Protein backbone atom coordinates (compact mmCIF):
# COMPACT_ATOMS: atom_id res chain seq x y z
CA MET A 1 19.30 12.74 -14.66
CA ASP A 2 16.66 15.54 -14.81
CA GLY A 3 18.23 18.45 -13.40
CA LYS A 4 15.96 21.08 -14.37
CA THR A 5 12.70 19.42 -13.59
CA GLU A 6 10.22 21.48 -12.11
CA PRO A 7 8.82 20.45 -8.23
CA ARG A 8 7.10 17.64 -8.55
CA ILE A 9 5.40 14.16 -6.86
CA ILE A 10 6.99 10.92 -8.00
CA GLN A 11 4.39 7.87 -7.72
CA TRP A 12 6.05 4.15 -8.63
CA LEU A 13 5.88 0.68 -8.69
CA LEU A 14 8.14 -2.31 -9.13
CA ASP A 15 6.63 -5.74 -9.44
CA THR A 16 9.09 -7.81 -8.40
CA ARG A 17 7.18 -11.53 -8.72
CA PRO A 18 8.60 -11.84 -12.24
CA LEU A 19 11.89 -10.65 -11.56
CA TRP A 20 15.11 -13.13 -10.83
CA PRO A 21 13.62 -16.27 -11.06
CA VAL A 22 15.70 -18.81 -8.86
CA SER A 23 15.29 -22.62 -8.97
CA ARG A 24 13.50 -24.34 -5.81
CA LYS A 25 15.91 -25.84 -3.48
CA ALA A 26 15.74 -27.64 0.21
CA SER A 27 16.40 -24.47 2.15
CA PRO A 28 14.71 -21.09 1.72
CA LYS A 29 18.43 -19.44 2.48
CA ASP A 30 19.83 -21.25 -0.58
CA GLU A 31 17.38 -19.86 -2.76
CA VAL A 32 18.02 -16.13 -1.73
CA GLN A 33 22.05 -17.02 -1.89
CA GLU A 34 21.35 -17.88 -5.52
CA LEU A 35 20.40 -14.18 -6.11
CA LYS A 36 24.09 -13.38 -6.25
CA SER A 37 23.79 -14.77 -10.27
CA VAL A 38 20.64 -14.41 -11.30
CA ALA A 39 20.57 -10.73 -10.21
CA SER A 40 23.83 -10.23 -10.51
CA ARG A 41 23.48 -6.93 -12.98
CA ALA A 42 21.16 -5.45 -9.75
CA LEU A 43 22.97 -6.17 -7.06
CA SER A 44 26.67 -4.83 -8.45
CA LEU A 45 24.73 -1.28 -8.49
CA LEU A 46 24.17 -1.46 -4.33
CA SER A 47 26.95 -0.81 -1.86
CA PRO A 48 28.40 -4.07 -0.23
CA ALA A 49 26.34 -3.31 2.96
CA GLU A 50 22.99 -3.02 0.66
CA GLN A 51 23.95 -5.86 -1.12
CA LYS A 52 24.39 -7.69 2.47
CA ALA A 53 20.96 -6.49 3.87
CA VAL A 54 19.36 -7.72 0.39
CA LEU A 55 20.83 -11.26 0.88
CA GLN A 56 20.41 -11.87 4.78
CA PHE A 57 16.63 -12.38 3.87
CA TYR A 58 15.19 -15.89 4.62
CA HIS A 59 12.83 -16.06 1.67
CA VAL A 60 13.83 -14.85 -1.91
CA ARG A 61 10.57 -12.89 -2.06
CA ASP A 62 11.54 -10.80 0.80
CA ALA A 63 15.19 -10.67 -0.75
CA LYS A 64 14.04 -9.55 -4.03
CA MET A 65 11.68 -6.78 -2.52
CA SER A 66 14.63 -5.54 -0.75
CA LEU A 67 16.62 -5.32 -3.71
CA ALA A 68 14.47 -3.14 -5.61
CA SER A 69 13.05 -1.08 -2.40
CA HIS A 70 16.95 0.01 -2.82
CA LEU A 71 17.16 0.32 -6.60
CA LEU A 72 14.05 2.75 -6.61
CA LYS A 73 15.61 5.44 -4.06
CA HIS A 74 19.02 5.15 -5.82
CA LEU A 75 16.94 6.01 -8.95
CA VAL A 76 14.88 8.33 -7.67
CA ILE A 77 17.85 10.57 -6.75
CA THR A 78 20.11 9.83 -9.63
CA LYS A 79 17.39 11.11 -11.74
CA TYR A 80 15.89 14.06 -10.34
CA CYS A 81 18.99 15.24 -7.33
CA ASN A 82 21.51 16.04 -9.87
CA VAL A 83 23.81 13.49 -8.74
CA SER A 84 25.42 10.31 -9.80
CA TRP A 85 24.49 6.75 -9.00
CA GLN A 86 27.55 6.39 -6.77
CA ASP A 87 26.82 9.37 -5.23
CA SER A 88 23.40 8.91 -4.31
CA LYS A 89 24.15 8.05 -0.79
CA ILE A 90 20.85 7.31 1.65
CA SER A 91 21.13 8.41 4.98
CA ARG A 92 18.91 8.01 7.93
CA ASP A 93 16.95 11.22 9.64
CA GLU A 94 15.88 11.51 13.44
CA ASN A 95 13.34 8.94 12.91
CA LYS A 96 15.49 6.55 11.13
CA LYS A 97 13.50 7.27 7.78
CA PRO A 98 15.64 6.81 4.81
CA CYS A 99 16.65 10.06 3.21
CA PHE A 100 19.24 12.18 0.51
CA VAL A 101 20.98 14.80 2.27
CA PRO A 102 22.79 17.25 -0.52
CA ALA A 103 26.07 18.32 -0.43
CA PRO A 104 26.48 21.78 1.82
CA ASP A 105 28.30 23.36 -1.48
CA CYS A 106 25.86 21.87 -4.22
CA PRO A 107 23.00 24.40 -4.49
CA GLU A 108 22.11 22.13 -7.41
CA GLN A 109 21.39 19.10 -5.84
CA LYS A 110 17.57 18.81 -4.92
CA HIS A 111 15.65 18.74 -1.67
CA ILE A 112 14.14 15.11 -1.88
CA GLU A 113 11.58 13.10 0.10
CA PHE A 114 10.86 9.94 -0.48
CA ASN A 115 8.95 6.89 1.13
CA VAL A 116 8.81 3.23 -0.10
CA SER A 117 6.39 0.26 1.00
CA HIS A 118 6.42 -3.13 -0.48
CA GLN A 119 4.17 -6.43 -0.06
CA ALA A 120 3.46 -9.42 -1.84
CA GLY A 121 6.01 -9.04 -4.50
CA ILE A 122 5.26 -5.20 -5.27
CA VAL A 123 7.43 -2.33 -4.19
CA SER A 124 5.97 1.26 -4.45
CA LEU A 125 7.77 4.64 -3.69
CA ILE A 126 6.45 8.21 -3.69
CA ALA A 127 9.11 11.06 -3.62
CA SER A 128 8.74 15.15 -3.68
CA ILE A 129 11.34 16.74 -5.68
CA GLY A 130 11.99 20.17 -5.57
CA PHE A 131 9.28 21.98 -3.78
CA GLU A 132 10.45 25.09 -1.72
CA GLY A 133 9.17 23.70 1.75
CA LYS A 134 9.11 20.32 3.19
CA VAL A 135 6.39 18.05 1.68
CA GLU A 136 5.94 15.00 3.61
CA VAL A 137 5.06 11.63 1.69
CA GLY A 138 3.81 8.04 2.49
CA THR A 139 3.19 4.77 1.26
CA ASP A 140 1.55 1.34 1.58
CA VAL A 141 0.83 -1.62 0.04
CA VAL A 142 -1.52 -4.40 1.13
CA CYS A 143 -2.55 -7.76 -0.52
CA ALA A 144 -5.71 -8.69 0.77
CA ASN A 145 -5.20 -12.22 0.31
CA GLU A 146 -1.16 -12.59 1.16
CA ARG A 147 -2.73 -13.96 4.86
CA LEU A 148 -5.90 -15.41 4.05
CA ALA A 149 -5.45 -18.85 4.92
CA HIS A 150 -3.93 -17.51 8.34
CA ASP A 151 -6.77 -14.92 8.53
CA TYR A 152 -9.61 -17.75 7.60
CA LYS A 153 -8.06 -19.78 10.51
CA PHE A 154 -8.41 -17.30 13.05
CA ILE A 155 -11.97 -16.25 12.40
CA GLU A 156 -13.34 -19.73 11.69
CA LYS A 157 -12.23 -20.46 15.00
CA ASP A 158 -13.16 -17.14 17.02
CA GLY A 159 -14.97 -15.29 14.70
CA PHE A 160 -14.22 -11.69 12.83
CA PHE A 161 -14.96 -9.65 15.76
CA GLU A 162 -12.50 -11.14 17.82
CA TRP A 163 -9.60 -11.19 14.84
CA VAL A 164 -9.73 -7.18 14.32
CA ASP A 165 -9.88 -6.76 18.18
CA MET A 166 -6.27 -8.59 17.73
CA HIS A 167 -5.45 -5.42 16.05
CA GLY A 168 -6.64 -2.70 18.47
CA ASP A 169 -3.53 -1.45 19.63
CA VAL A 170 -3.22 0.31 16.45
CA PHE A 171 -6.25 1.52 15.46
CA ALA A 172 -9.46 4.21 17.07
CA GLU A 173 -12.01 2.86 18.60
CA HIS A 174 -14.73 4.44 15.81
CA GLU A 175 -12.42 2.34 13.53
CA LEU A 176 -12.86 -0.91 15.00
CA ASN A 177 -16.42 -0.77 15.43
CA GLU A 178 -17.05 0.46 11.68
CA MET A 179 -14.81 -2.33 10.40
CA LYS A 180 -17.20 -4.98 12.64
CA LEU A 181 -20.37 -3.61 12.09
CA TYR A 182 -20.59 -0.74 9.08
CA PRO A 183 -22.33 -2.02 5.99
CA VAL A 184 -20.16 -3.73 3.40
CA LEU A 185 -20.48 -3.53 -0.38
CA LEU A 186 -21.08 -6.88 -1.71
CA PRO A 187 -20.10 -8.14 -5.17
CA GLU A 188 -22.33 -7.31 -8.02
CA ASP A 189 -23.83 -11.08 -8.62
CA VAL A 190 -25.01 -10.90 -4.73
CA LEU A 191 -26.30 -7.47 -4.71
CA ILE A 192 -29.96 -6.71 -3.35
CA ASP A 193 -31.55 -4.10 -4.80
CA SER A 194 -33.12 -2.73 -1.57
CA LEU A 195 -32.52 -4.22 2.00
CA ARG A 196 -34.49 -3.83 5.06
CA GLY A 197 -33.20 -2.63 8.19
CA TYR A 198 -33.28 -6.16 9.79
CA ALA A 199 -31.42 -7.46 6.79
CA LYS A 200 -28.60 -4.46 6.88
CA ASP A 201 -28.69 -5.81 10.30
CA GLN A 202 -27.98 -9.46 9.82
CA ILE A 203 -24.78 -8.47 7.07
CA SER A 204 -23.13 -5.81 9.38
CA ARG A 205 -23.47 -8.49 12.94
CA CYS A 206 -21.80 -11.28 10.32
CA GLN A 207 -18.72 -12.62 11.96
CA TRP A 208 -18.50 -15.86 10.98
CA ARG A 209 -17.76 -18.00 7.54
CA ASN A 210 -18.89 -21.36 6.25
CA GLN A 211 -22.54 -20.41 6.98
CA GLN A 212 -25.56 -19.26 5.01
CA ILE A 213 -27.75 -16.27 6.07
CA ASN A 214 -31.32 -15.72 4.50
CA ILE A 215 -32.17 -11.80 3.56
CA PRO A 216 -35.43 -10.53 3.05
CA ALA A 217 -35.30 -8.22 0.28
CA SER A 218 -38.42 -5.46 -0.60
CA ASN A 219 -36.91 -5.71 -4.28
CA ILE A 220 -35.33 -8.91 -5.65
CA PRO A 221 -33.45 -8.96 -9.09
CA ASN A 222 -35.77 -11.40 -10.16
CA GLY A 223 -38.73 -9.85 -9.34
CA ILE A 224 -40.27 -12.58 -6.75
CA GLN A 225 -41.50 -10.06 -3.72
CA GLY A 226 -40.92 -11.16 -0.60
CA LYS A 227 -38.97 -13.72 -1.18
CA PRO A 228 -35.78 -14.70 1.45
CA VAL A 229 -32.51 -14.28 -0.63
CA PRO A 230 -29.39 -16.38 0.83
CA ILE A 231 -25.97 -15.25 0.85
CA ASP A 232 -22.81 -17.05 1.33
CA THR A 233 -21.64 -15.23 4.51
CA ASN A 234 -18.03 -16.29 3.35
CA VAL A 235 -18.86 -13.37 0.96
CA ILE A 236 -19.64 -10.92 3.59
CA ILE A 237 -16.54 -11.82 5.35
CA ASP A 238 -14.11 -11.29 2.32
CA ALA A 239 -16.06 -8.14 1.86
CA LYS A 240 -14.61 -6.97 5.29
CA LEU A 241 -11.69 -8.35 5.11
CA ARG A 242 -10.83 -6.01 2.63
CA ARG A 243 -12.24 -2.66 4.33
CA PHE A 244 -9.97 -4.12 7.02
CA TYR A 245 -6.86 -4.25 4.77
CA ALA A 246 -7.94 -1.11 3.44
CA PHE A 247 -7.82 0.85 6.50
CA TRP A 248 -4.76 -0.70 7.45
CA CYS A 249 -3.41 0.81 4.59
CA LEU A 250 -4.52 3.91 4.72
CA ARG A 251 -3.69 4.48 8.26
CA GLU A 252 0.37 2.91 7.29
CA ALA A 253 0.87 5.43 5.02
CA TYR A 254 0.17 8.50 7.31
CA VAL A 255 2.19 7.31 9.80
CA LYS A 256 5.25 6.67 7.63
CA MET A 257 4.35 10.34 6.12
CA THR A 258 5.10 11.46 9.78
CA GLY A 259 8.21 9.39 9.95
CA GLU A 260 7.08 7.69 13.13
CA ALA A 261 6.21 4.27 13.75
CA LEU A 262 3.20 2.19 14.21
CA LEU A 263 3.93 2.18 18.21
CA ALA A 264 3.51 6.76 17.54
CA PRO A 265 2.01 7.64 20.90
CA TRP A 266 -0.89 9.12 19.07
CA LEU A 267 -1.71 6.40 17.10
CA ARG A 268 -5.08 5.79 18.51
CA ASP A 269 -5.81 9.83 18.16
CA LEU A 270 -5.79 9.34 14.10
CA GLU A 271 -9.22 8.16 12.64
CA PHE A 272 -10.19 7.48 9.29
CA ARG A 273 -14.01 7.23 9.03
CA ASP A 274 -16.53 5.89 6.44
CA VAL A 275 -14.16 4.02 4.21
CA GLN A 276 -15.55 1.48 1.45
CA PRO A 277 -12.58 -0.03 -0.56
CA PRO A 278 -11.80 1.05 -3.88
CA ALA A 279 -13.36 -2.31 -6.17
CA PRO A 280 -10.63 -3.86 -8.35
CA CYS A 281 -10.64 -3.41 -12.20
CA ALA A 282 -14.02 -5.57 -13.90
CA GLU A 283 -11.72 -6.33 -16.89
CA PRO A 284 -11.10 -10.11 -16.98
CA GLU A 285 -7.41 -10.48 -16.01
CA ASP A 286 -4.98 -13.23 -15.25
CA SER A 287 -4.20 -13.76 -11.50
CA GLY A 288 -0.67 -11.45 -11.80
CA SER A 289 -2.48 -8.56 -13.27
CA LEU A 290 -1.68 -5.33 -11.78
CA ALA A 291 -4.82 -3.63 -13.79
CA VAL A 292 -5.95 -0.39 -11.95
CA GLY A 293 -9.42 -0.31 -10.07
CA GLU A 294 -11.43 2.21 -8.42
CA THR A 295 -9.71 5.16 -6.48
CA LEU A 296 -11.05 6.35 -3.01
CA ALA A 297 -9.95 9.60 -3.07
CA GLU A 298 -12.63 11.62 -0.91
CA LEU A 299 -11.38 10.27 2.65
CA ASN A 300 -12.37 11.66 5.69
CA ILE A 301 -9.58 11.74 8.08
CA PHE A 302 -9.62 13.43 11.88
CA PHE A 303 -7.14 13.66 14.55
CA LYS A 304 -8.12 14.24 18.42
CA GLY A 305 -11.69 14.35 16.57
CA ARG A 306 -11.25 17.40 15.05
CA PRO A 307 -10.76 17.28 10.63
CA VAL A 308 -7.33 16.78 9.01
CA LYS A 309 -7.52 19.47 6.00
CA ASP A 310 -3.54 19.96 5.40
CA VAL A 311 -3.11 16.31 3.48
CA GLU A 312 -4.20 15.05 0.10
CA MET A 313 -4.69 11.58 0.28
CA ASP A 314 -5.86 8.53 -1.80
CA LEU A 315 -6.23 4.61 -2.00
CA VAL A 316 -6.00 2.81 -5.27
CA ALA A 317 -6.90 -0.86 -6.11
CA ILE A 318 -4.46 -2.55 -8.03
CA GLY A 319 -5.39 -6.43 -9.81
CA SER A 320 -7.46 -8.42 -7.65
CA HIS A 321 -6.31 -7.87 -3.99
CA TYR A 322 -3.89 -5.42 -4.03
CA MET A 323 -4.18 -1.94 -2.68
CA ILE A 324 -1.92 1.11 -2.31
CA SER A 325 -2.07 4.23 -0.97
CA ALA A 326 -0.38 7.79 -1.20
CA VAL A 327 -0.12 10.60 1.15
CA ILE A 328 1.48 14.50 0.88
CA ARG A 329 1.44 17.39 3.21
CA ALA A 330 2.92 20.45 2.38
CA ALA A 331 3.81 22.86 4.83
CA GLN A 332 4.24 25.85 2.56
CA THR A 333 1.05 27.62 0.95
CA ALA A 334 2.90 27.79 -2.00
CA ASP A 335 3.69 24.22 -2.36
CA LYS A 336 -0.05 23.25 -1.98
CA GLU A 337 -0.98 23.86 -5.52
CA ARG A 338 2.30 22.31 -7.08
CA ALA A 339 2.07 19.13 -4.61
CA VAL A 340 -0.52 16.85 -6.14
CA LEU A 341 -1.16 13.28 -6.24
CA GLY A 342 -1.23 11.44 -9.64
CA LEU A 343 -1.06 8.07 -10.86
CA TRP A 344 1.29 5.46 -10.05
CA GLU A 345 3.81 4.45 -12.65
CA HIS A 346 4.70 1.00 -13.56
CA LEU A 347 8.48 0.89 -14.11
CA GLU A 348 10.26 -1.81 -16.26
CA LEU A 349 13.52 -2.97 -14.76
CA ASP A 350 15.57 -3.34 -17.59
CA ARG A 351 14.15 0.32 -19.49
CA ASP A 352 13.85 2.14 -16.32
CA VAL A 353 15.93 0.95 -13.52
CA LEU A 354 19.46 -0.99 -15.03
CA SER A 355 19.65 1.26 -18.27
CA LEU A 356 19.48 4.97 -16.44
CA ALA A 357 21.83 3.33 -13.58
CA GLU A 358 24.57 2.03 -15.81
CA GLY A 359 24.64 5.12 -17.54
CA SER A 360 25.30 7.57 -14.90
CA GLN A 361 28.17 5.53 -13.28
């Protein structure tokens, strides 16, 4: 336990995909129940109620993320708040957001704000610890290809614009238009040096898969001037889908920071503008790699038409398809200089989680 730590922001990632492998069974629920044996060491660190919550999931992938989420919350409290693992009790605030309430007679227990997210096997935790005032935090993880078959099926039937409008209740009107019609960055292997206005318009209005559009270019890499360049519309739709999930990730993290759900009455008053998703790492990687790609840190955020200046936020590309967002908001001026986002730390289960937990008991 680190009781002498200075105020800090913690950002952790835990990849559950290779953890606690179970054998294939006829019923997914039976696979979940096998965690009682293969994940017994980790489950033993949770309360009976938490164990029950983990084991009630239908799919083992969801149960594993729930287990990891519980572990990370207890870990950050134990490591930085001067309490043992057994005493790292997780409560709920007025918005039902998980929190830790220091004992009134224990001034050495530090104040902490934390938030977790999980998607497609990846669990993230962000926390603010030991600041003088309230430093709100939020995080979200998205995997742009997790629902790809489902997304493609809808788009091929009704078009990308209709697919975007299906989510219209949780986005501002400007965001919906931007996701549909603003220019997208295409992969380098189909990038054209200079596009004419009509060419840009063709890409902006593209909403169907499995087609080809011919783009007139003023400067073609092979040196042939004026010859139309064919582009597979699947490439354009994939780029638009990735941008959609970037918007979703940013918005979800911001809303979670406030402690309100996606049904917050002010939801459509919040706007992110000019979002281009960060590119994944260009280095060759295996399908399970979580190599860090680009970071989008210059964000244009508006609330009721006015710029939002009191938050720090970024969006990081992880692996080929993941993106993870983080946001912090300090209430006091003295905390703003120290409440700074950093890099995501990838934790190793045995070394960073289980060993510390067992040593604290």
